[in-house]
Amino acid sequence: MRRIFYASGSFLTSDAIAASVLNYADALTRTNGSDVVTFPIVHSNGALGDASVLIGPASQLASASEETDLPEPGDDGLLQELERKTLLVGVPRPLVQTGTTKFALDEFE
């Protein structure tokens, strides 16, 4: 498992979830975007729970491996959603400018 360090705290989660959260945070940083991500964690007493974090350009996230006998949380739906969001953030979208307002073309689809 991996421990994600965020602000003044940390969260224990699966390797896959930690990697997905950090990859998505990296993608958001490149576009000055932000988002709130909720993911499953394991508390120190072994209970499963969840954490919500705001990630974006000002976020300072890190992760480290941690050996534990605690159950590893999983969420395939979350992993797929984070992968989808990471890919979407990295896709350039053409902008149209009308007067002083800019908007992405796909905002009207």
PDB file of N, CA and C in Angstrom:
ATOM      1  N   MET A   1       0.849  -1.169   0.000  1.00  0.00           N
ATOM      2  CA  MET A   1       0.000   0.000   0.000  1.00  0.00           C
ATOM      3  C   MET A   1       0.893   1.230   0.000  1.00  0.00           C
ATOM      4  N   ARG A   2       0.251   2.387  -0.200  1.00  0.00           N
ATOM      5  CA  ARG A   2       1.000   3.643  -0.217  1.00  0.00           C
ATOM      6  C   ARG A   2       0.293   4.649   0.688  1.00  0.00           C
ATOM      7  N   ARG A   3       1.098   5.491   1.304  1.00  0.00           N
ATOM      8  CA  ARG A   3       0.590   6.577   2.127  1.00  0.00           C
ATOM      9  C   ARG A   3       0.717   7.850   1.312  1.00  0.00           C
ATOM     10  N   ILE A   4      -0.407   8.537   1.113  1.00  0.00           N
ATOM     11  CA  ILE A   4      -0.421   9.828   0.424  1.00  0.00           C
ATOM     12  C   ILE A   4      -0.291  10.918   1.484  1.00  0.00           C
ATOM     13  N   PHE A   5       0.676  11.773   1.313  1.00  0.00           N
ATOM     14  CA  PHE A   5       0.866  12.915   2.216  1.00  0.00           C
ATOM     15  C   PHE A   5       0.262  14.139   1.563  1.00  0.00           C
ATOM     16  N   TYR A   6      -0.588  14.827   2.315  1.00  0.00           N
ATOM     17  CA  TYR A   6      -1.324  15.975   1.796  1.00  0.00           C
ATOM     18  C   TYR A   6      -1.428  17.010   2.902  1.00  0.00           C
ATOM     19  N   ALA A   7      -0.968  18.229   2.633  1.00  0.00           N
ATOM     20  CA  ALA A   7      -0.985  19.302   3.633  1.00  0.00           C
ATOM     21  C   ALA A   7      -0.352  18.796   4.928  1.00  0.00           C
ATOM     22  N   SER A   8      -1.101  18.777   6.010  1.00  0.00           N
ATOM     23  CA  SER A   8      -0.513  18.373   7.289  1.00  0.00           C
ATOM     24  C   SER A   8      -0.914  16.959   7.694  1.00  0.00           C
ATOM     25  N   GLY A   9      -1.504  16.199   6.779  1.00  0.00           N
ATOM     26  CA  GLY A   9      -1.953  14.861   7.122  1.00  0.00           C
ATOM     27  C   GLY A   9      -1.515  13.840   6.094  1.00  0.00           C
ATOM     28  N   SER A  10      -1.963  12.600   6.306  1.00  0.00           N
ATOM     29  CA  SER A  10      -1.649  11.540   5.354  1.00  0.00           C
ATOM     30  C   SER A  10      -2.770  10.513   5.351  1.00  0.00           C
ATOM     31  N   PHE A  11      -2.843   9.738   4.255  1.00  0.00           N
ATOM     32  CA  PHE A  11      -3.884   8.748   4.063  1.00  0.00           C
ATOM     33  C   PHE A  11      -3.259   7.475   3.515  1.00  0.00           C
ATOM     34  N   LEU A  12      -3.645   6.331   4.059  1.00  0.00           N
ATOM     35  CA  LEU A  12      -3.168   5.040   3.579  1.00  0.00           C
ATOM     36  C   LEU A  12      -4.181   4.481   2.594  1.00  0.00           C
ATOM     37  N   THR A  13      -3.723   4.129   1.392  1.00  0.00           N
ATOM     38  CA  THR A  13      -4.606   3.609   0.353  1.00  0.00           C
ATOM     39  C   THR A  13      -3.840   2.610  -0.508  1.00  0.00           C
ATOM     40  N   SER A  14      -4.486   2.095  -1.515  1.00  0.00           N
ATOM     41  CA  SER A  14      -3.840   1.097  -2.370  1.00  0.00           C
ATOM     42  C   SER A  14      -2.803   1.759  -3.284  1.00  0.00           C
ATOM     43  N   ASP A  15      -1.884   0.942  -3.787  1.00  0.00           N
ATOM     44  CA  ASP A  15      -0.880   1.434  -4.730  1.00  0.00           C
ATOM     45  C   ASP A  15      -1.550   2.058  -5.950  1.00  0.00           C
ATOM     46  N   ALA A  16      -2.555   1.363  -6.492  1.00  0.00           N
ATOM     47  CA  ALA A  16      -3.215   1.825  -7.717  1.00  0.00           C
ATOM     48  C   ALA A  16      -3.948   3.141  -7.493  1.00  0.00           C
ATOM     49  N   ILE A  17      -4.638   3.275  -6.374  1.00  0.00           N
ATOM     50  CA  ILE A  17      -5.366   4.513  -6.098  1.00  0.00           C
ATOM     51  C   ILE A  17      -4.392   5.664  -5.892  1.00  0.00           C
ATOM     52  N   ALA A  18      -3.330   5.429  -5.140  1.00  0.00           N
ATOM     53  CA  ALA A  18      -2.334   6.490  -4.914  1.00  0.00           C
ATOM     54  C   ALA A  18      -1.747   6.959  -6.238  1.00  0.00           C
ATOM     55  N   ALA A  19      -1.396   6.022  -7.107  1.00  0.00           N
ATOM     56  CA  ALA A  19      -0.828   6.385  -8.408  1.00  0.00           C
ATOM     57  C   ALA A  19      -1.823   7.189  -9.235  1.00  0.00           C
ATOM     58  N   SER A  20      -3.087   6.776  -9.237  1.00  0.00           N
ATOM     59  CA  SER A  20      -4.111   7.478 -10.014  1.00  0.00           C
ATOM     60  C   SER A  20      -4.350   8.889  -9.495  1.00  0.00           C
ATOM     61  N   VAL A  21      -4.398   9.050  -8.176  1.00  0.00           N
ATOM     62  CA  VAL A  21      -4.607  10.374  -7.590  1.00  0.00           C
ATOM     63  C   VAL A  21      -3.437  11.292  -7.945  1.00  0.00           C
ATOM     64  N   LEU A  22      -2.206  10.803  -7.817  1.00  0.00           N
ATOM     65  CA  LEU A  22      -1.043  11.627  -8.142  1.00  0.00           C
ATOM     66  C   LEU A  22      -0.960  11.943  -9.629  1.00  0.00           C
ATOM     67  N   ASN A  23      -1.286  10.981 -10.484  1.00  0.00           N
ATOM     68  CA  ASN A  23      -1.294  11.248 -11.932  1.00  0.00           C
ATOM     69  C   ASN A  23      -2.324  12.314 -12.292  1.00  0.00           C
ATOM     70  N   TYR A  24      -3.504  12.229 -11.699  1.00  0.00           N
ATOM     71  CA  TYR A  24      -4.552  13.215 -11.970  1.00  0.00           C
ATOM     72  C   TYR A  24      -4.127  14.587 -11.446  1.00  0.00           C
ATOM     73  N   ALA A  25      -3.529  14.633 -10.269  1.00  0.00           N
ATOM     74  CA  ALA A  25      -3.047  15.904  -9.719  1.00  0.00           C
ATOM     75  C   ALA A  25      -1.997  16.522 -10.636  1.00  0.00           C
ATOM     76  N   ASP A  26      -1.111  15.694 -11.166  1.00  0.00           N
ATOM     77  CA  ASP A  26      -0.085  16.187 -12.091  1.00  0.00           C
ATOM     78  C   ASP A  26      -0.720  16.772 -13.344  1.00  0.00           C
ATOM     79  N   ALA A  27      -1.710  16.090 -13.896  1.00  0.00           N
ATOM     80  CA  ALA A  27      -2.392  16.584 -15.096  1.00  0.00           C
ATOM     81  C   ALA A  27      -3.095  17.906 -14.813  1.00  0.00           C
ATOM     82  N   LEU A  28      -3.754  18.019 -13.663  1.00  0.00           N
ATOM     83  CA  LEU A  28      -4.446  19.264 -13.312  1.00  0.00           C
ATOM     84  C   LEU A  28      -3.463  20.419 -13.149  1.00  0.00           C
ATOM     85  N   THR A  29      -2.295  20.129 -12.600  1.00  0.00           N
ATOM     86  CA  THR A  29      -1.283  21.168 -12.397  1.00  0.00           C
ATOM     87  C   THR A  29      -0.855  21.774 -13.725  1.00  0.00           C
ATOM     88  N   ARG A  30      -0.744  20.950 -14.734  1.00  0.00           N
ATOM     89  CA  ARG A  30      -0.300  21.429 -16.050  1.00  0.00           C
ATOM     90  C   ARG A  30      -1.316  22.352 -16.713  1.00  0.00           C
ATOM     91  N   THR A  31      -2.571  22.297 -16.278  1.00  0.00           N
ATOM     92  CA  THR A  31      -3.617  23.108 -16.907  1.00  0.00           C
ATOM     93  C   THR A  31      -4.206  24.136 -15.955  1.00  0.00           C
ATOM     94  N   ASN A  32      -3.600  24.290 -14.782  1.00  0.00           N
ATOM     95  CA  ASN A  32      -4.120  25.197 -13.756  1.00  0.00           C
ATOM     96  C   ASN A  32      -5.530  24.817 -13.319  1.00  0.00           C
ATOM     97  N   GLY A  33      -5.879  23.555 -13.436  1.00  0.00           N
ATOM     98  CA  GLY A  33      -7.197  23.080 -13.028  1.00  0.00           C
ATOM     99  C   GLY A  33      -7.171  22.578 -11.591  1.00  0.00           C
ATOM    100  N   SER A  34      -8.350  22.335 -11.063  1.00  0.00           N
ATOM    101  CA  SER A  34      -8.461  21.760  -9.720  1.00  0.00           C
ATOM    102  C   SER A  34      -9.709  20.889  -9.656  1.00  0.00           C
ATOM    103  N   ASP A  35      -9.743  20.023  -8.673  1.00  0.00           N
ATOM    104  CA  ASP A  35     -10.874  19.123  -8.504  1.00  0.00           C
ATOM    105  C   ASP A  35     -10.824  18.545  -7.095  1.00  0.00           C
ATOM    106  N   VAL A  36     -11.960  18.109  -6.600  1.00  0.00           N
ATOM    107  CA  VAL A  36     -12.023  17.391  -5.334  1.00  0.00           C
ATOM    108  C   VAL A  36     -12.116  15.910  -5.677  1.00  0.00           C
ATOM    109  N   VAL A  37     -11.231  15.114  -5.083  1.00  0.00           N
ATOM    110  CA  VAL A  37     -11.202  13.678  -5.326  1.00  0.00           C
ATOM    111  C   VAL A  37     -11.471  12.964  -4.003  1.00  0.00           C
ATOM    112  N   THR A  38     -12.400  12.037  -4.034  1.00  0.00           N
ATOM    113  CA  THR A  38     -12.714  11.214  -2.864  1.00  0.00           C
ATOM    114  C   THR A  38     -12.273   9.794  -3.176  1.00  0.00           C
ATOM    115  N   PHE A  39     -11.501   9.205  -2.268  1.00  0.00           N
ATOM    116  CA  PHE A  39     -10.962   7.872  -2.508  1.00  0.00           C
ATOM    117  C   PHE A  39     -10.958   7.067  -1.214  1.00  0.00           C
ATOM    118  N   PRO A  40     -10.982   5.723  -1.330  1.00  0.00           N
ATOM    119  CA  PRO A  40     -11.005   4.871  -0.138  1.00  0.00           C
ATOM    120  C   PRO A  40      -9.639   4.851   0.557  1.00  0.00           C
ATOM    121  N   ILE A  41      -9.690   4.807   1.888  1.00  0.00           N
ATOM    122  CA  ILE A  41      -8.482   4.759   2.704  1.00  0.00           C
ATOM    123  C   ILE A  41      -8.651   3.699   3.785  1.00  0.00           C
ATOM    124  N   VAL A  42      -7.559   3.396   4.457  1.00  0.00           N
ATOM    125  CA  VAL A  42      -7.578   2.505   5.604  1.00  0.00           C
ATOM    126  C   VAL A  42      -7.118   3.313   6.812  1.00  0.00           C
ATOM    127  N   HIS A  43      -7.940   3.340   7.845  1.00  0.00           N
ATOM    128  CA  HIS A  43      -7.569   4.032   9.084  1.00  0.00           C
ATOM    129  C   HIS A  43      -6.568   3.183   9.865  1.00  0.00           C
ATOM    130  N   SER A  44      -5.904   3.780  10.846  1.00  0.00           N
ATOM    131  CA  SER A  44      -4.872   3.081  11.610  1.00  0.00           C
ATOM    132  C   SER A  44      -5.417   1.861  12.364  1.00  0.00           C
ATOM    133  N   ASN A  45      -6.729   1.849  12.660  1.00  0.00           N
ATOM    134  CA  ASN A  45      -7.317   0.703  13.357  1.00  0.00           C
ATOM    135  C   ASN A  45      -7.786  -0.390  12.387  1.00  0.00           C
ATOM    136  N   GLY A  46      -7.538  -0.188  11.082  1.00  0.00           N
ATOM    137  CA  GLY A  46      -7.912  -1.173  10.079  1.00  0.00           C
ATOM    138  C   GLY A  46      -9.264  -0.939   9.439  1.00  0.00           C
ATOM    139  N   ALA A  47     -10.019   0.005   9.973  1.00  0.00           N
ATOM    140  CA  ALA A  47     -11.336   0.304   9.403  1.00  0.00           C
ATOM    141  C   ALA A  47     -11.185   0.995   8.055  1.00  0.00           C
ATOM    142  N   LEU A  48     -12.078   0.649   7.141  1.00  0.00           N
ATOM    143  CA  LEU A  48     -12.088   1.312   5.841  1.00  0.00           C
ATOM    144  C   LEU A  48     -12.868   2.604   5.941  1.00  0.00           C
ATOM    145  N   GLY A  49     -12.447   3.593   5.206  1.00  0.00           N
ATOM    146  CA  GLY A  49     -13.126   4.884   5.178  1.00  0.00           C
ATOM    147  C   GLY A  49     -12.849   5.554   3.853  1.00  0.00           C
ATOM    148  N   ASP A  50     -13.066   6.841   3.793  1.00  0.00           N
ATOM    149  CA  ASP A  50     -12.734   7.577   2.585  1.00  0.00           C
ATOM    150  C   ASP A  50     -12.188   8.941   2.958  1.00  0.00           C
ATOM    151  N   ALA A  51     -11.448   9.523   2.035  1.00  0.00           N
ATOM    152  CA  ALA A  51     -10.875  10.854   2.203  1.00  0.00           C
ATOM    153  C   ALA A  51     -11.221  11.669   0.979  1.00  0.00           C
ATOM    154  N   SER A  52     -11.469  12.946   1.174  1.00  0.00           N
ATOM    155  CA  SER A  52     -11.697  13.874   0.071  1.00  0.00           C
ATOM    156  C   SER A  52     -10.622  14.943   0.133  1.00  0.00           C
ATOM    157  N   VAL A  53      -9.959  15.167  -0.991  1.00  0.00           N
ATOM    158  CA  VAL A  53      -8.909  16.174  -1.046  1.00  0.00           C
ATOM    159  C   VAL A  53      -9.119  17.060  -2.265  1.00  0.00           C
ATOM    160  N   LEU A  54      -8.787  18.322  -2.103  1.00  0.00           N
ATOM    161  CA  LEU A  54      -8.790  19.270  -3.213  1.00  0.00           C
ATOM    162  C   LEU A  54      -7.408  19.208  -3.841  1.00  0.00           C
ATOM    163  N   ILE A  55      -7.352  18.869  -5.116  1.00  0.00           N
ATOM    164  CA  ILE A  55      -6.063  18.824  -5.797  1.00  0.00           C
ATOM    165  C   ILE A  55      -6.049  19.841  -6.920  1.00  0.00           C
ATOM    166  N   GLY A  56      -4.888  20.399  -7.154  1.00  0.00           N
ATOM    167  CA  GLY A  56      -4.716  21.391  -8.194  1.00  0.00           C
ATOM    168  C   GLY A  56      -3.306  21.935  -8.175  1.00  0.00           C
ATOM    169  N   PRO A  57      -3.088  23.074  -8.829  1.00  0.00           N
ATOM    170  CA  PRO A  57      -1.743  23.618  -8.966  1.00  0.00           C
ATOM    171  C   PRO A  57      -1.037  23.912  -7.637  1.00  0.00           C
ATOM    172  N   ALA A  58      -1.768  24.263  -6.612  1.00  0.00           N
ATOM    173  CA  ALA A  58      -1.138  24.596  -5.336  1.00  0.00           C
ATOM    174  C   ALA A  58      -0.984  23.384  -4.416  1.00  0.00           C
ATOM    175  N   SER A  59      -1.495  22.232  -4.836  1.00  0.00           N
ATOM    176  CA  SER A  59      -1.426  21.028  -4.007  1.00  0.00           C
ATOM    177  C   SER A  59      -0.002  20.498  -3.954  1.00  0.00           C
ATOM    178  N   GLN A  60       0.381  20.060  -2.782  1.00  0.00           N
ATOM    179  CA  GLN A  60       1.674  19.406  -2.624  1.00  0.00           C
ATOM    180  C   GLN A  60       1.399  17.997  -2.114  1.00  0.00           C
ATOM    181  N   LEU A  61       1.395  17.057  -3.041  1.00  0.00           N
ATOM    182  CA  LEU A  61       1.127  15.659  -2.726  1.00  0.00           C
ATOM    183  C   LEU A  61       2.410  14.853  -2.853  1.00  0.00           C
ATOM    184  N   ALA A  62       2.530  13.849  -2.026  1.00  0.00           N
ATOM    185  CA  ALA A  62       3.628  12.888  -2.126  1.00  0.00           C
ATOM    186  C   ALA A  62       3.085  11.553  -1.668  1.00  0.00           C
ATOM    187  N   SER A  63       3.745  10.480  -2.069  1.00  0.00           N
ATOM    188  CA  SER A  63       3.332   9.166  -1.568  1.00  0.00           C
ATOM    189  C   SER A  63       4.572   8.332  -1.275  1.00  0.00           C
ATOM    190  N   ALA A  64       4.407   7.411  -0.347  1.00  0.00           N
ATOM    191  CA  ALA A  64       5.490   6.504   0.030  1.00  0.00           C
ATOM    192  C   ALA A  64       4.906   5.128   0.291  1.00  0.00           C
ATOM    193  N   SER A  65       5.676   4.108  -0.050  1.00  0.00           N
ATOM    194  CA  SER A  65       5.202   2.750   0.210  1.00  0.00           C
ATOM    195  C   SER A  65       5.168   2.507   1.711  1.00  0.00           C
ATOM    196  N   GLU A  66       4.243   1.639   2.107  1.00  0.00           N
ATOM    197  CA  GLU A  66       4.112   1.309   3.525  1.00  0.00           C
ATOM    198  C   GLU A  66       3.729  -0.158   3.659  1.00  0.00           C
ATOM    199  N   GLU A  67       4.502  -0.879   4.426  1.00  0.00           N
ATOM    200  CA  GLU A  67       4.207  -2.282   4.695  1.00  0.00           C
ATOM    201  C   GLU A  67       3.149  -2.353   5.793  1.00  0.00           C
ATOM    202  N   THR A  68       2.121  -3.153   5.550  1.00  0.00           N
ATOM    203  CA  THR A  68       1.050  -3.301   6.521  1.00  0.00           C
ATOM    204  C   THR A  68       0.308  -4.606   6.275  1.00  0.00           C
ATOM    205  N   ASP A  69      -0.319  -5.107   7.310  1.00  0.00           N
ATOM    206  CA  ASP A  69      -1.173  -6.282   7.185  1.00  0.00           C
ATOM    207  C   ASP A  69      -2.635  -5.886   7.062  1.00  0.00           C
ATOM    208  N   LEU A  70      -2.904  -4.591   7.008  1.00  0.00           N
ATOM    209  CA  LEU A  70      -4.274  -4.101   6.911  1.00  0.00           C
ATOM    210  C   LEU A  70      -4.832  -4.403   5.519  1.00  0.00           C
ATOM    211  N   PRO A  71      -6.159  -4.533   5.404  1.00  0.00           N
ATOM    212  CA  PRO A  71      -6.762  -4.825   4.094  1.00  0.00           C
ATOM    213  C   PRO A  71      -6.583  -3.649   3.140  1.00  0.00           C
ATOM    214  N   GLU A  72      -6.280  -3.964   1.889  1.00  0.00           N
ATOM    215  CA  GLU A  72      -6.070  -2.926   0.884  1.00  0.00           C
ATOM    216  C   GLU A  72      -7.408  -2.519   0.276  1.00  0.00           C
ATOM    217  N   PRO A  73      -7.727  -1.226   0.316  1.00  0.00           N
ATOM    218  CA  PRO A  73      -8.996  -0.789  -0.275  1.00  0.00           C
ATOM    219  C   PRO A  73      -8.919  -0.829  -1.797  1.00  0.00           C
ATOM    220  N   GLY A  74     -10.044  -0.996  -2.424  1.00  0.00           N
ATOM    221  CA  GLY A  74     -10.087  -1.006  -3.880  1.00  0.00           C
ATOM    222  C   GLY A  74     -11.341  -0.317  -4.370  1.00  0.00           C
ATOM    223  N   ASP A  75     -11.274   0.205  -5.572  1.00  0.00           N
ATOM    224  CA  ASP A  75     -12.431   0.849  -6.186  1.00  0.00           C
ATOM    225  C   ASP A  75     -12.157   0.968  -7.678  1.00  0.00           C
ATOM    226  N   ASP A  76     -12.523  -0.076  -8.424  1.00  0.00           N
ATOM    227  CA  ASP A  76     -12.262  -0.088  -9.863  1.00  0.00           C
ATOM    228  C   ASP A  76     -12.960   1.062 -10.578  1.00  0.00           C
ATOM    229  N   GLY A  77     -14.156   1.410 -10.120  1.00  0.00           N
ATOM    230  CA  GLY A  77     -14.885   2.522 -10.735  1.00  0.00           C
ATOM    231  C   GLY A  77     -14.132   3.841 -10.576  1.00  0.00           C
ATOM    232  N   LEU A  78     -13.567   4.056  -9.398  1.00  0.00           N
ATOM    233  CA  LEU A  78     -12.789   5.269  -9.157  1.00  0.00           C
ATOM    234  C   LEU A  78     -11.553   5.296 -10.045  1.00  0.00           C
ATOM    235  N   LEU A  79     -10.862   4.157 -10.148  1.00  0.00           N
ATOM    236  CA  LEU A  79      -9.658   4.103 -10.982  1.00  0.00           C
ATOM    237  C   LEU A  79      -9.990   4.442 -12.434  1.00  0.00           C
ATOM    238  N   GLN A  80     -11.088   3.910 -12.941  1.00  0.00           N
ATOM    239  CA  GLN A  80     -11.501   4.214 -14.310  1.00  0.00           C
ATOM    240  C   GLN A  80     -11.865   5.681 -14.465  1.00  0.00           C
ATOM    241  N   GLU A  81     -12.563   6.238 -13.476  1.00  0.00           N
ATOM    242  CA  GLU A  81     -12.958   7.644 -13.529  1.00  0.00           C
ATOM    243  C   GLU A  81     -11.739   8.566 -13.476  1.00  0.00           C
ATOM    244  N   LEU A  82     -10.779   8.266 -12.607  1.00  0.00           N
ATOM    245  CA  LEU A  82      -9.572   9.094 -12.528  1.00  0.00           C
ATOM    246  C   LEU A  82      -8.761   8.999 -13.813  1.00  0.00           C
ATOM    247  N   GLU A  83      -8.691   7.816 -14.406  1.00  0.00           N
ATOM    248  CA  GLU A  83      -7.980   7.659 -15.679  1.00  0.00           C
ATOM    249  C   GLU A  83      -8.663   8.481 -16.766  1.00  0.00           C
ATOM    250  N   ARG A  84     -10.000   8.419 -16.803  1.00  0.00           N
ATOM    251  CA  ARG A  84     -10.760   9.184 -17.801  1.00  0.00           C
ATOM    252  C   ARG A  84     -10.524  10.679 -17.614  1.00  0.00           C
ATOM    253  N   LYS A  85     -10.615  11.151 -16.365  1.00  0.00           N
ATOM    254  CA  LYS A  85     -10.413  12.575 -16.088  1.00  0.00           C
ATOM    255  C   LYS A  85      -8.990  13.016 -16.416  1.00  0.00           C
ATOM    256  N   THR A  86      -8.011  12.164 -16.107  1.00  0.00           N
ATOM    257  CA  THR A  86      -6.616  12.493 -16.410  1.00  0.00           C
ATOM    258  C   THR A  86      -6.419  12.649 -17.909  1.00  0.00           C
ATOM    259  N   LEU A  87      -7.004  11.745 -18.681  1.00  0.00           N
ATOM    260  CA  LEU A  87      -6.892  11.830 -20.134  1.00  0.00           C
ATOM    261  C   LEU A  87      -7.603  13.066 -20.672  1.00  0.00           C
ATOM    262  N   LEU A  88      -8.774  13.377 -20.131  1.00  0.00           N
ATOM    263  CA  LEU A  88      -9.515  14.557 -20.600  1.00  0.00           C
ATOM    264  C   LEU A  88      -8.780  15.855 -20.306  1.00  0.00           C
ATOM    265  N   VAL A  89      -8.147  15.924 -19.159  1.00  0.00           N
ATOM    266  CA  VAL A  89      -7.403  17.135 -18.808  1.00  0.00           C
ATOM    267  C   VAL A  89      -6.261  17.350 -19.787  1.00  0.00           C
ATOM    268  N   GLY A  90      -5.656  16.268 -20.251  1.00  0.00           N
ATOM    269  CA  GLY A  90      -4.515  16.367 -21.154  1.00  0.00           C
ATOM    270  C   GLY A  90      -4.881  16.596 -22.601  1.00  0.00           C
ATOM    271  N   VAL A  91      -6.175  16.547 -22.935  1.00  0.00           N
ATOM    272  CA  VAL A  91      -6.607  16.733 -24.318  1.00  0.00           C
ATOM    273  C   VAL A  91      -6.802  18.217 -24.599  1.00  0.00           C
ATOM    274  N   PRO A  92      -6.014  18.777 -25.524  1.00  0.00           N
ATOM    275  CA  PRO A  92      -6.216  20.196 -25.852  1.00  0.00           C
ATOM    276  C   PRO A  92      -7.554  20.399 -26.548  1.00  0.00           C
ATOM    277  N   ARG A  93      -8.227  21.477 -26.180  1.00  0.00           N
ATOM    278  CA  ARG A  93      -9.519  21.788 -26.798  1.00  0.00           C
ATOM    279  C   ARG A  93      -9.399  23.132 -27.500  1.00  0.00           C
ATOM    280  N   PRO A  94      -9.873  23.225 -28.750  1.00  0.00           N
ATOM    281  CA  PRO A  94      -9.793  24.502 -29.451  1.00  0.00           C
ATOM    282  C   PRO A  94     -10.668  25.550 -28.770  1.00  0.00           C
ATOM    283  N   LEU A  95     -10.166  26.758 -28.702  1.00  0.00           N
ATOM    284  CA  LEU A  95     -10.920  27.857 -28.101  1.00  0.00           C
ATOM    285  C   LEU A  95     -11.429  28.782 -29.189  1.00  0.00           C
ATOM    286  N   VAL A  96     -12.601  29.326 -28.960  1.00  0.00           N
ATOM    287  CA  VAL A  96     -13.190  30.320 -29.840  1.00  0.00           C
ATOM    288  C   VAL A  96     -13.320  31.592 -29.026  1.00  0.00           C
ATOM    289  N   GLN A  97     -12.944  32.709 -29.615  1.00  0.00           N
ATOM    290  CA  GLN A  97     -13.040  33.962 -28.882  1.00  0.00           C
ATOM    291  C   GLN A  97     -14.077  34.842 -29.562  1.00  0.00           C
ATOM    292  N   THR A  98     -15.043  35.301 -28.764  1.00  0.00           N
ATOM    293  CA  THR A  98     -16.053  36.234 -29.254  1.00  0.00           C
ATOM    294  C   THR A  98     -15.999  37.456 -28.356  1.00  0.00           C
ATOM    295  N   GLY A  99     -15.595  38.569 -28.895  1.00  0.00           N
ATOM    296  CA  GLY A  99     -15.431  39.758 -28.056  1.00  0.00           C
ATOM    297  C   GLY A  99     -14.325  39.507 -27.056  1.00  0.00           C
ATOM    298  N   THR A 100     -14.673  39.508 -25.781  1.00  0.00           N
ATOM    299  CA  THR A 100     -13.668  39.252 -24.743  1.00  0.00           C
ATOM    300  C   THR A 100     -13.917  37.934 -24.029  1.00  0.00           C
ATOM    301  N   THR A 101     -14.853  37.124 -24.528  1.00  0.00           N
ATOM    302  CA  THR A 101     -15.183  35.864 -23.876  1.00  0.00           C
ATOM    303  C   THR A 101     -14.574  34.700 -24.652  1.00  0.00           C
ATOM    304  N   LYS A 102     -13.845  33.858 -23.948  1.00  0.00           N
ATOM    305  CA  LYS A 102     -13.297  32.643 -24.555  1.00  0.00           C
ATOM    306  C   LYS A 102     -14.051  31.451 -24.017  1.00  0.00           C
ATOM    307  N   PHE A 103     -14.304  30.468 -24.866  1.00  0.00           N
ATOM    308  CA  PHE A 103     -14.946  29.243 -24.424  1.00  0.00           C
ATOM    309  C   PHE A 103     -14.478  28.099 -25.290  1.00  0.00           C
ATOM    310  N   ALA A 104     -14.543  26.905 -24.743  1.00  0.00           N
ATOM    311  CA  ALA A 104     -14.151  25.714 -25.484  1.00  0.00           C
ATOM    312  C   ALA A 104     -15.295  25.301 -26.388  1.00  0.00           C
ATOM    313  N   LEU A 105     -14.957  24.842 -27.571  1.00  0.00           N
ATOM    314  CA  LEU A 105     -15.987  24.445 -28.536  1.00  0.00           C
ATOM    315  C   LEU A 105     -16.884  23.343 -27.992  1.00  0.00           C
ATOM    316  N   ASP A 106     -16.343  22.425 -27.217  1.00  0.00           N
ATOM    317  CA  ASP A 106     -17.154  21.298 -26.753  1.00  0.00           C
ATOM    318  C   ASP A 106     -18.093  21.665 -25.604  1.00  0.00           C
ATOM    319  N   GLU A 107     -18.064  22.908 -25.142  1.00  0.00           N
ATOM    320  CA  GLU A 107     -18.999  23.326 -24.103  1.00  0.00           C
ATOM    321  C   GLU A 107     -20.429  23.386 -24.626  1.00  0.00           C
ATOM    322  N   PHE A 108     -20.594  23.367 -25.935  1.00  0.00           N
ATOM    323  CA  PHE A 108     -21.915  23.513 -26.519  1.00  0.00           C
ATOM    324  C   PHE A 108     -22.427  22.203 -27.110  1.00  0.00           C
ATOM    325  N   GLU A 109     -21.682  21.142 -26.949  1.00  0.00           N
ATOM    326  CA  GLU A 109     -22.120  19.852 -27.502  1.00  0.00           C
ATOM    327  C   GLU A 109     -23.064  19.159 -26.584  1.00  0.00           C
TER     328      GLU A 109
END
